N, C-alpha and C. Protein backbone atom coordinates (compact mmCIF):
# COMPACT_ATOMS: atom_id res chain seq x y z
N MET A 1 -135.06 23.21 43.45
CA MET A 1 -134.39 22.42 42.43
C MET A 1 -133.10 23.12 42.04
N LEU A 2 -132.20 22.34 41.57
CA LEU A 2 -130.92 22.86 41.14
C LEU A 2 -130.98 23.26 39.68
N SER A 3 -130.34 24.35 39.36
CA SER A 3 -130.30 24.75 37.96
C SER A 3 -129.25 23.94 37.23
N ALA A 4 -129.24 24.06 35.92
CA ALA A 4 -128.28 23.30 35.11
C ALA A 4 -126.86 23.71 35.44
N ARG A 5 -126.64 24.98 35.74
CA ARG A 5 -125.30 25.46 36.06
C ARG A 5 -124.82 24.85 37.38
N ASP A 6 -125.69 24.77 38.38
CA ASP A 6 -125.31 24.18 39.65
C ASP A 6 -125.00 22.69 39.51
N ARG A 7 -125.70 22.01 38.65
CA ARG A 7 -125.45 20.58 38.44
C ARG A 7 -124.12 20.34 37.77
N ARG A 8 -123.70 21.24 36.87
CA ARG A 8 -122.42 21.07 36.19
C ARG A 8 -121.26 21.27 37.15
N ASP A 9 -121.41 22.16 38.14
CA ASP A 9 -120.32 22.45 39.06
C ASP A 9 -120.10 21.35 40.08
N ARG A 10 -121.10 20.55 40.37
CA ARG A 10 -120.98 19.49 41.37
C ARG A 10 -120.54 18.19 40.73
N HIS A 11 -120.05 17.29 41.58
CA HIS A 11 -119.77 15.94 41.14
C HIS A 11 -121.10 15.23 40.90
N PRO A 12 -121.15 14.29 39.98
CA PRO A 12 -122.41 13.61 39.68
C PRO A 12 -123.02 12.91 40.90
N GLU A 13 -122.16 12.31 41.75
CA GLU A 13 -122.68 11.60 42.92
C GLU A 13 -123.34 12.56 43.89
N GLU A 14 -122.76 13.74 44.08
CA GLU A 14 -123.31 14.72 45.01
C GLU A 14 -124.68 15.19 44.54
N GLY A 15 -124.82 15.42 43.26
CA GLY A 15 -126.10 15.91 42.73
C GLY A 15 -127.21 14.89 42.91
N VAL A 16 -126.92 13.65 42.66
CA VAL A 16 -127.93 12.60 42.78
C VAL A 16 -128.33 12.41 44.24
N VAL A 17 -127.35 12.37 45.12
CA VAL A 17 -127.64 12.18 46.54
C VAL A 17 -128.41 13.38 47.08
N ALA A 18 -128.05 14.57 46.68
CA ALA A 18 -128.73 15.77 47.18
C ALA A 18 -130.17 15.82 46.70
N GLU A 19 -130.42 15.39 45.47
CA GLU A 19 -131.78 15.44 44.94
C GLU A 19 -132.67 14.36 45.53
N LEU A 20 -132.11 13.18 45.82
CA LEU A 20 -132.91 12.06 46.30
C LEU A 20 -132.99 11.98 47.81
N GLN A 21 -132.37 12.90 48.51
CA GLN A 21 -132.34 12.83 49.96
C GLN A 21 -133.73 12.97 50.57
N GLY A 22 -134.61 13.73 49.96
CA GLY A 22 -135.95 13.90 50.48
C GLY A 22 -136.87 12.74 50.16
N PHE A 23 -136.42 11.78 49.37
CA PHE A 23 -137.27 10.67 48.95
C PHE A 23 -136.86 9.36 49.62
N ALA A 24 -136.38 9.42 50.83
CA ALA A 24 -136.01 8.20 51.53
C ALA A 24 -137.27 7.41 51.86
N VAL A 25 -137.25 6.12 51.64
CA VAL A 25 -138.41 5.26 51.84
C VAL A 25 -138.13 4.33 53.01
N ASP A 26 -139.04 4.32 53.97
CA ASP A 26 -138.94 3.41 55.10
C ASP A 26 -139.77 2.17 54.78
N LYS A 27 -139.12 1.09 54.39
CA LYS A 27 -139.83 -0.11 53.96
C LYS A 27 -140.56 -0.77 55.12
N ALA A 28 -140.04 -0.64 56.33
CA ALA A 28 -140.72 -1.24 57.48
C ALA A 28 -142.06 -0.54 57.72
N PHE A 29 -142.10 0.77 57.54
CA PHE A 29 -143.36 1.50 57.72
C PHE A 29 -144.36 1.14 56.63
N LEU A 30 -143.90 1.01 55.39
CA LEU A 30 -144.81 0.70 54.29
C LEU A 30 -145.42 -0.69 54.41
N THR A 31 -144.76 -1.60 55.10
CA THR A 31 -145.32 -2.94 55.27
C THR A 31 -146.11 -3.08 56.56
N SER A 32 -146.12 -2.05 57.39
CA SER A 32 -146.92 -2.11 58.62
C SER A 32 -148.39 -1.86 58.30
N HIS A 33 -149.26 -2.13 59.27
CA HIS A 33 -150.70 -1.94 59.05
C HIS A 33 -151.04 -0.49 58.76
N LYS A 34 -150.45 0.42 59.52
CA LYS A 34 -150.72 1.84 59.31
C LYS A 34 -150.22 2.30 57.94
N GLY A 35 -149.07 1.82 57.54
CA GLY A 35 -148.52 2.18 56.24
C GLY A 35 -149.39 1.69 55.09
N ILE A 36 -149.88 0.47 55.21
CA ILE A 36 -150.75 -0.07 54.17
C ILE A 36 -152.04 0.72 54.08
N LEU A 37 -152.62 1.07 55.23
CA LEU A 37 -153.84 1.87 55.23
C LEU A 37 -153.62 3.24 54.60
N LEU A 38 -152.49 3.86 54.91
CA LEU A 38 -152.20 5.18 54.34
C LEU A 38 -151.97 5.09 52.83
N GLU A 39 -151.30 4.03 52.38
CA GLU A 39 -151.10 3.85 50.94
C GLU A 39 -152.43 3.66 50.22
N THR A 40 -153.31 2.87 50.82
CA THR A 40 -154.62 2.64 50.21
C THR A 40 -155.42 3.93 50.15
N GLU A 41 -155.36 4.70 51.21
CA GLU A 41 -156.08 5.98 51.23
C GLU A 41 -155.51 6.94 50.20
N LEU A 42 -154.19 6.93 50.03
CA LEU A 42 -153.56 7.81 49.05
C LEU A 42 -154.02 7.45 47.64
N TYR A 43 -154.06 6.13 47.27
CA TYR A 43 -154.50 5.72 45.93
C TYR A 43 -155.94 6.07 45.72
N TYR A 44 -156.76 5.89 46.80
CA TYR A 44 -158.19 6.19 46.70
C TYR A 44 -158.40 7.68 46.43
N GLN A 45 -157.62 8.54 47.09
CA GLN A 45 -157.77 9.98 46.91
C GLN A 45 -157.25 10.43 45.54
N ARG A 46 -156.25 9.80 45.03
CA ARG A 46 -155.69 10.21 43.74
C ARG A 46 -156.58 9.84 42.56
N PHE A 47 -157.29 8.72 42.68
CA PHE A 47 -158.17 8.28 41.61
C PHE A 47 -159.60 8.69 41.91
N ASP A 48 -159.83 9.98 42.00
CA ASP A 48 -161.15 10.47 42.37
C ASP A 48 -162.14 10.46 41.21
N ARG A 49 -161.68 10.25 40.00
CA ARG A 49 -162.58 10.24 38.84
C ARG A 49 -163.12 8.85 38.52
N ILE A 50 -162.67 7.86 39.26
CA ILE A 50 -163.15 6.50 39.04
C ILE A 50 -164.41 6.31 39.88
N ASN A 51 -165.43 5.73 39.27
CA ASN A 51 -166.66 5.44 39.99
C ASN A 51 -166.45 4.10 40.71
N TRP A 52 -166.08 4.16 41.98
CA TRP A 52 -165.69 2.97 42.72
C TRP A 52 -166.80 1.94 42.82
N PRO A 53 -168.06 2.32 43.10
CA PRO A 53 -169.10 1.28 43.16
C PRO A 53 -169.25 0.52 41.85
N CYS A 54 -169.18 1.21 40.72
CA CYS A 54 -169.29 0.53 39.43
C CYS A 54 -168.07 -0.35 39.17
N LEU A 55 -166.90 0.09 39.59
CA LEU A 55 -165.69 -0.72 39.42
C LEU A 55 -165.78 -2.01 40.22
N VAL A 56 -166.21 -1.92 41.47
CA VAL A 56 -166.34 -3.11 42.31
C VAL A 56 -167.40 -4.04 41.74
N PHE A 57 -168.53 -3.48 41.30
CA PHE A 57 -169.58 -4.30 40.70
C PHE A 57 -169.06 -5.00 39.44
N GLY A 58 -168.30 -4.31 38.63
CA GLY A 58 -167.74 -4.90 37.43
C GLY A 58 -166.78 -6.03 37.74
N ILE A 59 -165.94 -5.84 38.74
CA ILE A 59 -164.99 -6.89 39.13
C ILE A 59 -165.75 -8.12 39.63
N ILE A 60 -166.80 -7.90 40.43
CA ILE A 60 -167.60 -9.03 40.92
C ILE A 60 -168.28 -9.73 39.76
N LEU A 61 -168.83 -8.97 38.82
CA LEU A 61 -169.53 -9.54 37.67
C LEU A 61 -168.58 -10.36 36.80
N VAL A 62 -167.41 -9.84 36.53
CA VAL A 62 -166.42 -10.57 35.73
C VAL A 62 -165.98 -11.84 36.46
N SER A 63 -165.82 -11.75 37.77
CA SER A 63 -165.43 -12.93 38.55
C SER A 63 -166.50 -14.01 38.47
N ILE A 64 -167.78 -13.62 38.55
CA ILE A 64 -168.87 -14.59 38.47
C ILE A 64 -168.90 -15.25 37.09
N PHE A 65 -168.75 -14.46 36.03
CA PHE A 65 -168.74 -15.03 34.69
C PHE A 65 -167.55 -15.96 34.48
N ALA A 66 -166.39 -15.59 35.01
CA ALA A 66 -165.21 -16.44 34.88
C ALA A 66 -165.41 -17.75 35.63
N TYR A 67 -165.98 -17.69 36.82
CA TYR A 67 -166.24 -18.89 37.61
C TYR A 67 -167.25 -19.78 36.89
N ASP A 68 -168.30 -19.16 36.34
CA ASP A 68 -169.32 -19.92 35.61
C ASP A 68 -168.72 -20.60 34.39
N ALA A 69 -167.89 -19.90 33.65
CA ALA A 69 -167.25 -20.49 32.48
C ALA A 69 -166.33 -21.64 32.89
N PHE A 70 -165.63 -21.49 34.00
CA PHE A 70 -164.76 -22.56 34.49
C PHE A 70 -165.57 -23.79 34.88
N LYS A 71 -166.69 -23.59 35.58
CA LYS A 71 -167.53 -24.71 35.99
C LYS A 71 -168.14 -25.43 34.78
N ILE A 72 -168.58 -24.66 33.78
CA ILE A 72 -169.13 -25.27 32.57
C ILE A 72 -168.05 -26.06 31.85
N TYR A 73 -166.87 -25.50 31.72
CA TYR A 73 -165.76 -26.20 31.07
C TYR A 73 -165.43 -27.48 31.82
N ARG A 74 -165.42 -27.40 33.13
CA ARG A 74 -165.08 -28.56 33.95
C ARG A 74 -166.13 -29.67 33.82
N THR A 75 -167.41 -29.28 33.78
CA THR A 75 -168.45 -30.31 33.65
C THR A 75 -168.48 -30.89 32.24
N GLU A 76 -168.12 -30.11 31.25
CA GLU A 76 -168.08 -30.63 29.87
C GLU A 76 -166.91 -31.60 29.68
N MET A 77 -165.80 -31.32 30.33
CA MET A 77 -164.60 -32.15 30.15
C MET A 77 -164.58 -33.35 31.09
N ALA A 78 -165.19 -33.25 32.25
CA ALA A 78 -165.15 -34.32 33.25
C ALA A 78 -165.89 -35.57 32.81
N PRO A 79 -167.08 -35.54 32.18
CA PRO A 79 -167.76 -36.78 31.82
C PRO A 79 -166.97 -37.63 30.85
N GLY A 80 -166.20 -37.07 29.96
CA GLY A 80 -165.40 -37.83 29.01
C GLY A 80 -164.36 -38.67 29.73
N ALA A 81 -163.76 -38.14 30.77
CA ALA A 81 -162.76 -38.87 31.52
C ALA A 81 -163.40 -39.91 32.42
N SER A 82 -164.56 -39.58 33.02
CA SER A 82 -165.19 -40.51 33.94
C SER A 82 -165.89 -41.65 33.21
N GLN A 83 -166.33 -41.49 31.98
CA GLN A 83 -166.98 -42.58 31.22
C GLN A 83 -165.98 -43.68 30.91
N GLY A 84 -164.77 -43.34 30.66
CA GLY A 84 -163.76 -44.35 30.41
C GLY A 84 -163.46 -45.19 31.64
N ASP A 85 -163.59 -44.58 32.83
CA ASP A 85 -163.36 -45.32 34.07
C ASP A 85 -164.51 -46.27 34.38
N GLN A 86 -165.74 -45.91 33.97
CA GLN A 86 -166.90 -46.74 34.29
C GLN A 86 -166.96 -47.98 33.44
N GLN A 87 -166.46 -47.97 32.22
CA GLN A 87 -166.57 -49.12 31.32
C GLN A 87 -165.58 -50.14 31.59
């Protein structure tokens, strides 16, 4: 890293370019299959304190409850509209 004195002596553009040169991102690689797999593996390794089976179970459970609530809402609202058509 550059010290504060070294940053003052350089032009602002040079300092930014020099610091960010190691962080070049290849967007084509990140959108490829291998890049996506590596990104997923990286997130999985970084979040090692999350209990993944419980998280997946929770997501499935919330999805089921949301679907059930949607179906109940739809059946409660649908007969009112269809009764008017039958008469």
